[in-house]
Amino acid sequence: TPAEQAQAVASLPREDCLDVDDFEERYQQAVEAHRQEVQRKAQERQQG
């Protein structure tokens, strides 16, 4: 029901909601952090 969804969304902390102004920025930051982590691990493997 729509009421169940409204209740589930209302129970979310505001920072966990998707309808925030920096939604795209958060996504891009997560992608970049993952890319850097992959790069760091690759460098560690190259060093032996």
All heavy atoms as atom14 arrays in JSON, in Angstrom:
{
  "sequence": "TPAEQAQAVASLPREDCLDVDDFEERYQQAVEAHRQEVQRKAQERQQG",
  "atom14_mask": [
    [1, 1, 1, 1, 1, 1, 1, 0, 0, 0, 0, 0, 0, 0],
    [1, 1, 1, 1, 1, 1, 1, 0, 0, 0, 0, 0, 0, 0],
    [1, 1, 1, 1, 1, 0, 0, 0, 0, 0, 0, 0, 0, 0],
    [1, 1, 1, 1, 1, 1, 1, 1, 1, 0, 0, 0, 0, 0],
    [1, 1, 1, 1, 1, 1, 1, 1, 1, 0, 0, 0, 0, 0],
    [1, 1, 1, 1, 1, 0, 0, 0, 0, 0, 0, 0, 0, 0],
    [1, 1, 1, 1, 1, 1, 1, 1, 1, 0, 0, 0, 0, 0],
    [1, 1, 1, 1, 1, 0, 0, 0, 0, 0, 0, 0, 0, 0],
    [1, 1, 1, 1, 1, 1, 1, 0, 0, 0, 0, 0, 0, 0],
    [1, 1, 1, 1, 1, 0, 0, 0, 0, 0, 0, 0, 0, 0],
    [1, 1, 1, 1, 1, 1, 0, 0, 0, 0, 0, 0, 0, 0],
    [1, 1, 1, 1, 1, 1, 1, 1, 0, 0, 0, 0, 0, 0],
    [1, 1, 1, 1, 1, 1, 1, 0, 0, 0, 0, 0, 0, 0],
    [1, 1, 1, 1, 1, 1, 1, 1, 1, 1, 1, 0, 0, 0],
    [1, 1, 1, 1, 1, 1, 1, 1, 1, 0, 0, 0, 0, 0],
    [1, 1, 1, 1, 1, 1, 1, 1, 0, 0, 0, 0, 0, 0],
    [1, 1, 1, 1, 1, 1, 0, 0, 0, 0, 0, 0, 0, 0],
    [1, 1, 1, 1, 1, 1, 1, 1, 0, 0, 0, 0, 0, 0],
    [1, 1, 1, 1, 1, 1, 1, 1, 0, 0, 0, 0, 0, 0],
    [1, 1, 1, 1, 1, 1, 1, 0, 0, 0, 0, 0, 0, 0],
    [1, 1, 1, 1, 1, 1, 1, 1, 0, 0, 0, 0, 0, 0],
    [1, 1, 1, 1, 1, 1, 1, 1, 0, 0, 0, 0, 0, 0],
    [1, 1, 1, 1, 1, 1, 1, 1, 1, 1, 1, 0, 0, 0],
    [1, 1, 1, 1, 1, 1, 1, 1, 1, 0, 0, 0, 0, 0],
    [1, 1, 1, 1, 1, 1, 1, 1, 1, 0, 0, 0, 0, 0],
    [1, 1, 1, 1, 1, 1, 1, 1, 1, 1, 1, 0, 0, 0],
    [1, 1, 1, 1, 1, 1, 1, 1, 1, 1, 1, 1, 0, 0],
    [1, 1, 1, 1, 1, 1, 1, 1, 1, 0, 0, 0, 0, 0],
    [1, 1, 1, 1, 1, 1, 1, 1, 1, 0, 0, 0, 0, 0],
    [1, 1, 1, 1, 1, 0, 0, 0, 0, 0, 0, 0, 0, 0],
    [1, 1, 1, 1, 1, 1, 1, 0, 0, 0, 0, 0, 0, 0],
    [1, 1, 1, 1, 1, 1, 1, 1, 1, 0, 0, 0, 0, 0],
    [1, 1, 1, 1, 1, 0, 0, 0, 0, 0, 0, 0, 0, 0],
    [1, 1, 1, 1, 1, 1, 1, 1, 1, 1, 0, 0, 0, 0],
    [1, 1, 1, 1, 1, 1, 1, 1, 1, 1, 1, 0, 0, 0],
    [1, 1, 1, 1, 1, 1, 1, 1, 1, 0, 0, 0, 0, 0],
    [1, 1, 1, 1, 1, 1, 1, 1, 1, 0, 0, 0, 0, 0],
    [1, 1, 1, 1, 1, 1, 1, 0, 0, 0, 0, 0, 0, 0],
    [1, 1, 1, 1, 1, 1, 1, 1, 1, 0, 0, 0, 0, 0],
    [1, 1, 1, 1, 1, 1, 1, 1, 1, 1, 1, 0, 0, 0],
    [1, 1, 1, 1, 1, 1, 1, 1, 1, 0, 0, 0, 0, 0],
    [1, 1, 1, 1, 1, 0, 0, 0, 0, 0, 0, 0, 0, 0],
    [1, 1, 1, 1, 1, 1, 1, 1, 1, 0, 0, 0, 0, 0],
    [1, 1, 1, 1, 1, 1, 1, 1, 1, 0, 0, 0, 0, 0],
    [1, 1, 1, 1, 1, 1, 1, 1, 1, 1, 1, 0, 0, 0],
    [1, 1, 1, 1, 1, 1, 1, 1, 1, 0, 0, 0, 0, 0],
    [1, 1, 1, 1, 1, 1, 1, 1, 1, 0, 0, 0, 0, 0],
    [1, 1, 1, 1, 0, 0, 0, 0, 0, 0, 0, 0, 0, 0]
  ],
  "atom14_positions": [
    [[0.85, -1.2, 0.0], [0.0, 0.0, 0.0], [0.89, 1.25, 0.0], [2.03, 1.2, 0.48], [-0.92, 0.07, 1.25], [-0.1, 0.25, 2.41], [-1.77, -1.18, 1.38], [0.0, 0.0, 0.0], [0.0, 0.0, 0.0], [0.0, 0.0, 0.0], [0.0, 0.0, 0.0], [0.0, 0.0, 0.0], [0.0, 0.0, 0.0], [0.0, 0.0, 0.0]],
    [[0.37, 2.36, -0.48], [1.13, 3.62, -0.39], [1.44, 4.0, 1.06], [2.5, 4.56, 1.33], [0.2, 4.65, -1.04], [-0.68, 3.85, -1.94], [-0.86, 2.52, -1.26], [0.0, 0.0, 0.0], [0.0, 0.0, 0.0], [0.0, 0.0, 0.0], [0.0, 0.0, 0.0], [0.0, 0.0, 0.0], [0.0, 0.0, 0.0], [0.0, 0.0, 0.0]],
    [[0.55, 3.66, 1.98], [0.79, 3.99, 3.39], [2.0, 3.25, 3.94], [2.77, 3.8, 4.74], [-0.45, 3.65, 4.22], [0.0, 0.0, 0.0], [0.0, 0.0, 0.0], [0.0, 0.0, 0.0], [0.0, 0.0, 0.0], [0.0, 0.0, 0.0], [0.0, 0.0, 0.0], [0.0, 0.0, 0.0], [0.0, 0.0, 0.0], [0.0, 0.0, 0.0]],
    [[2.2, 1.99, 3.52], [3.38, 1.24, 3.96], [4.66, 1.9, 3.48], [5.63, 1.99, 4.21], [3.32, -0.2, 3.47], [2.36, -1.08, 4.22], [2.4, -2.52, 3.72], [3.36, -2.9, 3.01], [1.47, -3.26, 4.05], [0.0, 0.0, 0.0], [0.0, 0.0, 0.0], [0.0, 0.0, 0.0], [0.0, 0.0, 0.0], [0.0, 0.0, 0.0]],
    [[4.66, 2.36, 2.23], [5.84, 3.04, 1.72], [6.08, 4.34, 2.48], [7.21, 4.64, 2.87], [5.73, 3.34, 0.23], [7.01, 4.0, -0.3], [6.96, 4.34, -1.77], [5.92, 4.69, -2.29], [8.11, 4.23, -2.41], [0.0, 0.0, 0.0], [0.0, 0.0, 0.0], [0.0, 0.0, 0.0], [0.0, 0.0, 0.0], [0.0, 0.0, 0.0]],
    [[5.03, 5.1, 2.72], [5.16, 6.37, 3.45], [5.74, 6.13, 4.84], [6.6, 6.89, 5.3], [3.81, 7.07, 3.54], [0.0, 0.0, 0.0], [0.0, 0.0, 0.0], [0.0, 0.0, 0.0], [0.0, 0.0, 0.0], [0.0, 0.0, 0.0], [0.0, 0.0, 0.0], [0.0, 0.0, 0.0], [0.0, 0.0, 0.0], [0.0, 0.0, 0.0]],
    [[5.3, 5.07, 5.49], [5.81, 4.75, 6.83], [7.29, 4.36, 6.76], [8.08, 4.79, 7.6], [4.99, 3.61, 7.44], [5.41, 3.26, 8.84], [4.57, 2.13, 9.43], [3.76, 1.5, 8.74], [4.75, 1.86, 10.7], [0.0, 0.0, 0.0], [0.0, 0.0, 0.0], [0.0, 0.0, 0.0], [0.0, 0.0, 0.0], [0.0, 0.0, 0.0]],
    [[7.67, 3.56, 5.77], [9.07, 3.14, 5.63], [9.97, 4.35, 5.34], [11.06, 4.46, 5.9], [9.21, 2.1, 4.52], [0.0, 0.0, 0.0], [0.0, 0.0, 0.0], [0.0, 0.0, 0.0], [0.0, 0.0, 0.0], [0.0, 0.0, 0.0], [0.0, 0.0, 0.0], [0.0, 0.0, 0.0], [0.0, 0.0, 0.0], [0.0, 0.0, 0.0]],
    [[9.52, 5.24, 4.5], [10.31, 6.42, 4.16], [10.4, 7.36, 5.36], [11.45, 7.92, 5.65], [9.73, 7.15, 2.93], [10.41, 8.49, 2.7], [9.87, 6.26, 1.7], [0.0, 0.0, 0.0], [0.0, 0.0, 0.0], [0.0, 0.0, 0.0], [0.0, 0.0, 0.0], [0.0, 0.0, 0.0], [0.0, 0.0, 0.0], [0.0, 0.0, 0.0]],
    [[9.29, 7.51, 6.1], [9.28, 8.4, 7.27], [10.24, 7.91, 8.36], [10.76, 8.72, 9.13], [7.87, 8.5, 7.84], [0.0, 0.0, 0.0], [0.0, 0.0, 0.0], [0.0, 0.0, 0.0], [0.0, 0.0, 0.0], [0.0, 0.0, 0.0], [0.0, 0.0, 0.0], [0.0, 0.0, 0.0], [0.0, 0.0, 0.0], [0.0, 0.0, 0.0]],
    [[10.51, 6.61, 8.4], [11.4, 6.07, 9.43], [12.89, 6.24, 9.08], [13.74, 5.96, 9.91], [11.09, 4.6, 9.68], [11.46, 3.82, 8.57], [0.0, 0.0, 0.0], [0.0, 0.0, 0.0], [0.0, 0.0, 0.0], [0.0, 0.0, 0.0], [0.0, 0.0, 0.0], [0.0, 0.0, 0.0], [0.0, 0.0, 0.0], [0.0, 0.0, 0.0]],
    [[13.17, 6.69, 7.86], [14.57, 6.88, 7.45], [15.16, 8.16, 8.04], [14.47, 9.19, 8.07], [14.67, 7.01, 5.92], [14.42, 5.79, 5.08], [14.37, 6.19, 3.6], [15.49, 4.75, 5.3], [0.0, 0.0, 0.0], [0.0, 0.0, 0.0], [0.0, 0.0, 0.0], [0.0, 0.0, 0.0], [0.0, 0.0, 0.0], [0.0, 0.0, 0.0]],
    [[16.4, 8.11, 8.48], [17.07, 9.37, 8.83], [17.16, 10.23, 7.56], [17.34, 9.71, 6.45], [18.46, 8.94, 9.3], [18.36, 7.48, 9.57], [17.25, 6.96, 8.71], [0.0, 0.0, 0.0], [0.0, 0.0, 0.0], [0.0, 0.0, 0.0], [0.0, 0.0, 0.0], [0.0, 0.0, 0.0], [0.0, 0.0, 0.0], [0.0, 0.0, 0.0]],
    [[17.05, 11.52, 7.7], [17.04, 12.42, 6.53], [18.28, 12.22, 5.65], [18.18, 12.25, 4.43], [16.95, 13.88, 7.0], [16.87, 14.87, 5.88], [15.56, 14.74, 5.13], [15.61, 15.55, 3.92], [15.13, 15.19, 2.75], [14.52, 14.04, 2.62], [15.24, 15.96, 1.71], [0.0, 0.0, 0.0], [0.0, 0.0, 0.0], [0.0, 0.0, 0.0]],
    [[19.43, 11.97, 6.24], [20.66, 11.82, 5.44], [20.67, 10.53, 4.61], [21.46, 10.39, 3.69], [21.92, 11.89, 6.3], [22.06, 10.8, 7.34], [21.41, 11.12, 8.68], [20.72, 12.14, 8.81], [21.6, 10.3, 9.6], [0.0, 0.0, 0.0], [0.0, 0.0, 0.0], [0.0, 0.0, 0.0], [0.0, 0.0, 0.0], [0.0, 0.0, 0.0]],
    [[19.78, 9.6, 4.91], [19.68, 8.36, 4.14], [18.67, 8.44, 3.0], [18.53, 7.49, 2.23], [19.32, 7.18, 5.05], [20.45, 6.81, 5.98], [21.6, 7.24, 5.75], [20.18, 6.1, 6.97], [0.0, 0.0, 0.0], [0.0, 0.0, 0.0], [0.0, 0.0, 0.0], [0.0, 0.0, 0.0], [0.0, 0.0, 0.0], [0.0, 0.0, 0.0]],
    [[17.97, 9.56, 2.9], [16.98, 9.72, 1.84], [17.66, 10.02, 0.51], [18.78, 10.53, 0.46], [16.01, 10.84, 2.2], [14.93, 10.4, 3.56], [0.0, 0.0, 0.0], [0.0, 0.0, 0.0], [0.0, 0.0, 0.0], [0.0, 0.0, 0.0], [0.0, 0.0, 0.0], [0.0, 0.0, 0.0], [0.0, 0.0, 0.0], [0.0, 0.0, 0.0]],
    [[16.98, 9.66, -0.55], [17.52, 9.89, -1.89], [17.19, 11.28, -2.42], [17.88, 11.78, -3.29], [16.97, 8.84, -2.87], [17.27, 7.38, -2.53], [16.63, 6.46, -3.57], [18.76, 7.14, -2.43], [0.0, 0.0, 0.0], [0.0, 0.0, 0.0], [0.0, 0.0, 0.0], [0.0, 0.0, 0.0], [0.0, 0.0, 0.0], [0.0, 0.0, 0.0]],
    [[16.16, 11.9, -1.88], [15.75, 13.2, -2.39], [16.47, 14.34, -1.67], [15.87, 15.25, -1.12], [14.23, 13.37, -2.3], [13.7, 13.21, -0.88], [14.43, 12.68, -0.03], [12.54, 13.61, -0.66], [0.0, 0.0, 0.0], [0.0, 0.0, 0.0], [0.0, 0.0, 0.0], [0.0, 0.0, 0.0], [0.0, 0.0, 0.0], [0.0, 0.0, 0.0]],
    [[17.78, 14.28, -1.69], [18.62, 15.33, -1.12], [19.33, 16.04, -2.26], [19.54, 15.47, -3.33], [19.64, 14.75, -0.1], [18.93, 14.24, 1.14], [20.48, 13.65, -0.72], [0.0, 0.0, 0.0], [0.0, 0.0, 0.0], [0.0, 0.0, 0.0], [0.0, 0.0, 0.0], [0.0, 0.0, 0.0], [0.0, 0.0, 0.0], [0.0, 0.0, 0.0]],
    [[19.7, 17.28, -2.02], [20.3, 18.1, -3.08], [21.6, 17.54, -3.62], [21.92, 17.7, -4.79], [20.52, 19.53, -2.58], [19.23, 20.28, -2.33], [18.19, 19.87, -2.91], [19.24, 21.26, -1.56], [0.0, 0.0, 0.0], [0.0, 0.0, 0.0], [0.0, 0.0, 0.0], [0.0, 0.0, 0.0], [0.0, 0.0, 0.0], [0.0, 0.0, 0.0]],
    [[22.38, 16.88, -2.76], [23.69, 16.4, -3.19], [23.69, 14.92, -3.58], [24.71, 14.24, -3.52], [24.74, 16.65, -2.11], [24.46, 15.92, -0.81], [23.33, 15.4, -0.63], [25.37, 15.86, 0.04], [0.0, 0.0, 0.0], [0.0, 0.0, 0.0], [0.0, 0.0, 0.0], [0.0, 0.0, 0.0], [0.0, 0.0, 0.0], [0.0, 0.0, 0.0]],
    [[22.54, 14.41, -4.02], [22.41, 13.0, -4.39], [23.43, 12.6, -5.45], [24.14, 11.61, -5.32], [20.98, 12.72, -4.87], [20.73, 11.3, -5.28], [20.84, 10.28, -4.35], [20.38, 10.98, -6.57], [20.6, 8.96, -4.7], [20.15, 9.67, -6.94], [20.26, 8.65, -6.0], [0.0, 0.0, 0.0], [0.0, 0.0, 0.0], [0.0, 0.0, 0.0]],
    [[23.52, 13.36, -6.54], [24.46, 13.07, -7.62], [25.9, 13.17, -7.12], [26.73, 12.33, -7.44], [24.24, 14.01, -8.81], [25.23, 13.83, -9.94], [25.04, 12.55, -10.73], [23.92, 12.01, -10.78], [26.02, 12.06, -11.33], [0.0, 0.0, 0.0], [0.0, 0.0, 0.0], [0.0, 0.0, 0.0], [0.0, 0.0, 0.0], [0.0, 0.0, 0.0]],
    [[26.19, 14.18, -6.32], [27.55, 14.35, -5.79], [27.95, 13.17, -4.92], [29.09, 12.69, -5.0], [27.64, 15.64, -4.97], [27.51, 16.9, -5.8], [27.37, 18.14, -4.93], [27.96, 18.18, -3.83], [26.63, 19.05, -5.34], [0.0, 0.0, 0.0], [0.0, 0.0, 0.0], [0.0, 0.0, 0.0], [0.0, 0.0, 0.0], [0.0, 0.0, 0.0]],
    [[27.04, 12.7, -4.08], [27.33, 11.54, -3.23], [27.64, 10.31, -4.08], [28.55, 9.55, -3.77], [26.15, 11.22, -2.31], [25.95, 12.19, -1.2], [24.8, 11.71, -0.35], [24.46, 12.63, 0.72], [23.61, 12.34, 1.69], [23.02, 11.17, 1.74], [23.35, 13.21, 2.62], [0.0, 0.0, 0.0], [0.0, 0.0, 0.0], [0.0, 0.0, 0.0]],
    [[26.87, 10.13, -5.14], [27.11, 9.0, -6.03], [28.5, 9.13, -6.66], [29.29, 8.18, -6.66], [26.03, 8.94, -7.12], [26.39, 8.02, -8.26], [26.41, 6.64, -8.08], [26.72, 8.53, -9.51], [26.76, 5.8, -9.12], [27.07, 7.68, -10.55], [27.09, 6.32, -10.36], [27.44, 5.49, -11.38], [0.0, 0.0, 0.0], [0.0, 0.0, 0.0]],
    [[28.82, 10.3, -7.2], [30.12, 10.5, -7.85], [31.26, 10.33, -6.86], [32.31, 9.77, -7.2], [30.18, 11.89, -8.51], [29.22, 12.08, -9.67], [29.5, 11.15, -10.84], [30.59, 10.61, -11.0], [28.49, 10.94, -11.67], [0.0, 0.0, 0.0], [0.0, 0.0, 0.0], [0.0, 0.0, 0.0], [0.0, 0.0, 0.0], [0.0, 0.0, 0.0]],
    [[31.09, 10.78, -5.63], [32.12, 10.6, -4.6], [32.33, 9.12, -4.28], [33.47, 8.67, -4.09], [31.75, 11.36, -3.32], [31.86, 12.85, -3.45], [31.27, 13.6, -2.26], [30.65, 13.01, -1.38], [31.47, 14.91, -2.24], [0.0, 0.0, 0.0], [0.0, 0.0, 0.0], [0.0, 0.0, 0.0], [0.0, 0.0, 0.0], [0.0, 0.0, 0.0]],
    [[31.25, 8.35, -4.21], [31.36, 6.91, -3.94], [32.08, 6.21, -5.08], [32.93, 5.33, -4.85], [29.98, 6.3, -3.72], [0.0, 0.0, 0.0], [0.0, 0.0, 0.0], [0.0, 0.0, 0.0], [0.0, 0.0, 0.0], [0.0, 0.0, 0.0], [0.0, 0.0, 0.0], [0.0, 0.0, 0.0], [0.0, 0.0, 0.0], [0.0, 0.0, 0.0]],
    [[31.77, 6.58, -6.32], [32.44, 5.99, -7.48], [33.93, 6.32, -7.45], [34.79, 5.45, -7.65], [31.8, 6.48, -8.81], [32.64, 6.07, -10.01], [30.38, 5.94, -8.93], [0.0, 0.0, 0.0], [0.0, 0.0, 0.0], [0.0, 0.0, 0.0], [0.0, 0.0, 0.0], [0.0, 0.0, 0.0], [0.0, 0.0, 0.0], [0.0, 0.0, 0.0]],
    [[34.26, 7.58, -7.15], [35.66, 8.0, -7.11], [36.41, 7.32, -5.97], [37.55, 6.88, -6.15], [35.76, 9.53, -6.98], [37.17, 10.05, -6.93], [38.02, 9.74, -8.15], [37.48, 9.46, -9.24], [39.27, 9.76, -8.02], [0.0, 0.0, 0.0], [0.0, 0.0, 0.0], [0.0, 0.0, 0.0], [0.0, 0.0, 0.0], [0.0, 0.0, 0.0]],
    [[35.8, 7.2, -4.81], [36.45, 6.52, -3.68], [36.73, 5.07, -4.03], [37.81, 4.54, -3.7], [35.56, 6.61, -2.43], [0.0, 0.0, 0.0], [0.0, 0.0, 0.0], [0.0, 0.0, 0.0], [0.0, 0.0, 0.0], [0.0, 0.0, 0.0], [0.0, 0.0, 0.0], [0.0, 0.0, 0.0], [0.0, 0.0, 0.0], [0.0, 0.0, 0.0]],
    [[35.81, 4.41, -4.7], [36.01, 3.02, -5.12], [37.16, 2.94, -6.14], [38.01, 2.06, -6.04], [34.74, 2.44, -5.71], [34.91, 1.06, -6.24], [35.09, -0.03, -5.42], [34.98, 0.6, -7.5], [35.25, -1.12, -6.16], [35.19, -0.75, -7.43], [0.0, 0.0, 0.0], [0.0, 0.0, 0.0], [0.0, 0.0, 0.0], [0.0, 0.0, 0.0]],
    [[37.18, 3.86, -7.1], [38.24, 3.86, -8.11], [39.6, 4.02, -7.45], [40.56, 3.33, -7.78], [38.0, 4.98, -9.13], [38.97, 4.94, -10.31], [38.96, 6.22, -11.11], [39.42, 7.38, -10.36], [40.7, 7.62, -10.07], [41.65, 6.77, -10.43], [41.05, 8.7, -9.39], [0.0, 0.0, 0.0], [0.0, 0.0, 0.0], [0.0, 0.0, 0.0]],
    [[39.69, 4.92, -6.47], [40.97, 5.14, -5.77], [41.38, 3.91, -4.97], [42.55, 3.56, -4.91], [40.87, 6.36, -4.87], [40.82, 7.66, -5.63], [40.65, 8.87, -4.73], [40.6, 8.76, -3.51], [40.56, 10.05, -5.34], [0.0, 0.0, 0.0], [0.0, 0.0, 0.0], [0.0, 0.0, 0.0], [0.0, 0.0, 0.0], [0.0, 0.0, 0.0]],
    [[40.41, 3.24, -4.35], [40.71, 2.03, -3.58], [41.22, 0.91, -4.5], [42.17, 0.2, -4.17], [39.47, 1.57, -2.81], [39.68, 0.32, -1.98], [40.64, 0.5, -0.82], [41.03, 1.63, -0.49], [41.03, -0.53, -0.23], [0.0, 0.0, 0.0], [0.0, 0.0, 0.0], [0.0, 0.0, 0.0], [0.0, 0.0, 0.0], [0.0, 0.0, 0.0]],
    [[40.6, 0.76, -5.65], [41.05, -0.25, -6.62], [42.46, 0.09, -7.08], [43.32, -0.8, -7.18], [40.08, -0.32, -7.82], [40.66, -1.11, -8.97], [38.74, -0.91, -7.38], [0.0, 0.0, 0.0], [0.0, 0.0, 0.0], [0.0, 0.0, 0.0], [0.0, 0.0, 0.0], [0.0, 0.0, 0.0], [0.0, 0.0, 0.0], [0.0, 0.0, 0.0]],
    [[42.72, 1.35, -7.34], [44.05, 1.78, -7.78], [45.1, 1.53, -6.69], [46.19, 1.05, -6.96], [44.02, 3.26, -8.15], [45.28, 3.77, -8.78], [45.15, 5.23, -9.2], [44.4, 6.0, -8.6], [45.87, 5.6, -10.23], [0.0, 0.0, 0.0], [0.0, 0.0, 0.0], [0.0, 0.0, 0.0], [0.0, 0.0, 0.0], [0.0, 0.0, 0.0]],
    [[44.75, 1.82, -5.43], [45.66, 1.59, -4.31], [46.01, 0.11, -4.18], [47.17, -0.27, -4.03], [45.04, 2.11, -3.01], [45.96, 1.96, -1.79], [45.23, 2.25, -0.49], [44.17, 1.3, -0.19], [44.36, 0.06, 0.27], [45.59, -0.39, 0.47], [43.34, -0.72, 0.54], [0.0, 0.0, 0.0], [0.0, 0.0, 0.0], [0.0, 0.0, 0.0]],
    [[45.0, -0.75, -4.29], [45.24, -2.19, -4.18], [46.09, -2.7, -5.33], [46.94, -3.58, -5.14], [43.91, -2.94, -4.11], [43.2, -2.78, -2.8], [41.9, -3.55, -2.78], [41.19, -3.41, -1.45], [39.91, -4.14, -1.43], [0.0, 0.0, 0.0], [0.0, 0.0, 0.0], [0.0, 0.0, 0.0], [0.0, 0.0, 0.0], [0.0, 0.0, 0.0]],
    [[45.89, -2.15, -6.52], [46.7, -2.56, -7.67], [48.16, -2.17, -7.46], [49.07, -2.95, -7.78], [46.15, -1.92, -8.95], [0.0, 0.0, 0.0], [0.0, 0.0, 0.0], [0.0, 0.0, 0.0], [0.0, 0.0, 0.0], [0.0, 0.0, 0.0], [0.0, 0.0, 0.0], [0.0, 0.0, 0.0], [0.0, 0.0, 0.0], [0.0, 0.0, 0.0]],
    [[48.39, -1.01, -6.9], [49.76, -0.58, -6.62], [50.41, -1.47, -5.58], [51.59, -1.82, -5.69], [49.79, 0.88, -6.17], [49.51, 1.85, -7.28], [49.38, 3.29, -6.79], [49.25, 3.54, -5.59], [49.4, 4.23, -7.73], [0.0, 0.0, 0.0], [0.0, 0.0, 0.0], [0.0, 0.0, 0.0], [0.0, 0.0, 0.0], [0.0, 0.0, 0.0]],
    [[49.66, -1.86, -4.57], [50.19, -2.77, -3.54], [50.58, -4.11, -4.15], [51.61, -4.68, -3.8], [49.16, -2.99, -2.43], [49.06, -1.85, -1.46], [48.03, -2.13, -0.36], [47.45, -3.24, -0.33], [47.81, -1.23, 0.47], [0.0, 0.0, 0.0], [0.0, 0.0, 0.0], [0.0, 0.0, 0.0], [0.0, 0.0, 0.0], [0.0, 0.0, 0.0]],
    [[49.75, -4.61, -5.06], [50.07, -5.9, -5.7], [51.32, -5.79, -6.55], [52.12, -6.73, -6.62], [48.89, -6.37, -6.55], [47.76, -6.96, -5.75], [46.75, -7.67, -6.63], [46.16, -6.8, -7.63], [45.09, -6.02, -7.45], [44.5, -6.01, -6.28], [44.63, -5.27, -8.41], [0.0, 0.0, 0.0], [0.0, 0.0, 0.0], [0.0, 0.0, 0.0]],
    [[51.52, -4.66, -7.21], [52.71, -4.47, -8.05], [53.97, -4.41, -7.21], [55.03, -4.81, -7.66], [52.58, -3.2, -8.87], [51.59, -3.31, -10.0], [51.42, -2.0, -10.74], [51.87, -0.95, -10.3], [50.75, -2.06, -11.88], [0.0, 0.0, 0.0], [0.0, 0.0, 0.0], [0.0, 0.0, 0.0], [0.0, 0.0, 0.0], [0.0, 0.0, 0.0]],
    [[53.86, -3.92, -5.99], [55.03, -3.82, -5.11], [55.41, -5.16, -4.51], [56.48, -5.3, -3.94], [54.75, -2.81, -3.99], [54.6, -1.4, -4.49], [54.15, -0.45, -3.4], [53.89, -0.86, -2.27], [54.03, 0.83, -3.74], [0.0, 0.0, 0.0], [0.0, 0.0, 0.0], [0.0, 0.0, 0.0], [0.0, 0.0, 0.0], [0.0, 0.0, 0.0]],
    [[54.56, -6.14, -4.67], [54.85, -7.46, -4.14], [54.35, -7.61, -2.71], [53.94, -6.65, -2.08], [0.0, 0.0, 0.0], [0.0, 0.0, 0.0], [0.0, 0.0, 0.0], [0.0, 0.0, 0.0], [0.0, 0.0, 0.0], [0.0, 0.0, 0.0], [0.0, 0.0, 0.0], [0.0, 0.0, 0.0], [0.0, 0.0, 0.0], [0.0, 0.0, 0.0]]
  ]
}
